[in-house]
Amino acid sequence: MISRLKFNKQRIAFLVGLPVLLSACSDDEVEVIKEVEVIVEVPAPDPVPVDVSYEVTVTNLTNSQPLSPAAIVLHADGHLFSVGEVPSVALEQMAEGGMNGGLLALGMASASGAGAIGPGGSETISVTIQDVTDAKLSVTTMLVNTNDAFSGLDALDLSTFAVGDSWTTTAGVYDAGTEVNSEAAGTMPGPADGGEGFNATRTDTGYVAMHPGVVTGDDGLSSSVLTVQHKFDNPAVRIMVTRIE
């Protein structure tokens, strides 16, 4: 993003006394002081940056699916994820392993949650940007007892938010489409399994979709390490956004 600073020039007039020598009719010379106006253009001072700050509260609505540290990202345009589109590597890393660093790096400003958000829990995360009031806000978090399920919000337009305005929504669960939903031992990073997180090899559809839900051992899938407690309904997450500055 290129910022353009405009300077308003101030015109300042100085009266300067200039000596002028005049010859009189006699042999004497007479010194006369003449006032001359000099115009000097002075650039206006640099404007003071203005902080624009938001609080984002993420609440876990699931029964037994901890959420990975949430990524709060302010960006100028585009999307962090979109149904039907091929996921970025940064999204894959978050959806498979809860690693949000790649997504945070995509923003003009960003902030990470302090840690996992347990079922029924919530966390409020602050993010600040300077001199931008029309950013897009995206939020992502992984359901860690899954192969590559995540929830969040994509590209919320903040241009109409005044200081004190709040907005609340709920979000469903998405499938990153990068890892097959086997629910098998060793394939999920959450406490139900403690298995592998991100793997660069893609083994599923290759595009983002709504998640079909997990299949558990209680459902008759003997290779699944999940139980009926790990099932989830939509919505899985509540997100509240407040402009505080």
Foldseek 3Di string as FASTA:
>chain_A
DDDDFDWDKDKDKDWDWDWDWDCDPDRDIDIDTDTDIDIDIDTDDTDDWDKWKKKKKKWFAAQFFKKWWKKKAWAADDKCADFPAFHDVQLLQCQFAVDNVVVCVRHPKIDIHPGIAGHGGMDMDMIMDIPDQFTFIKMKIYRQLWRGKIKIDMGHTRNPADAFDKDKDFIQIKGNFFDDGLLAAQRTCDPLHNHDGHDPHGDGDRGMHGDPWHQAVCNVSVRHSDDPSSTGDPRGMMMMMHTND
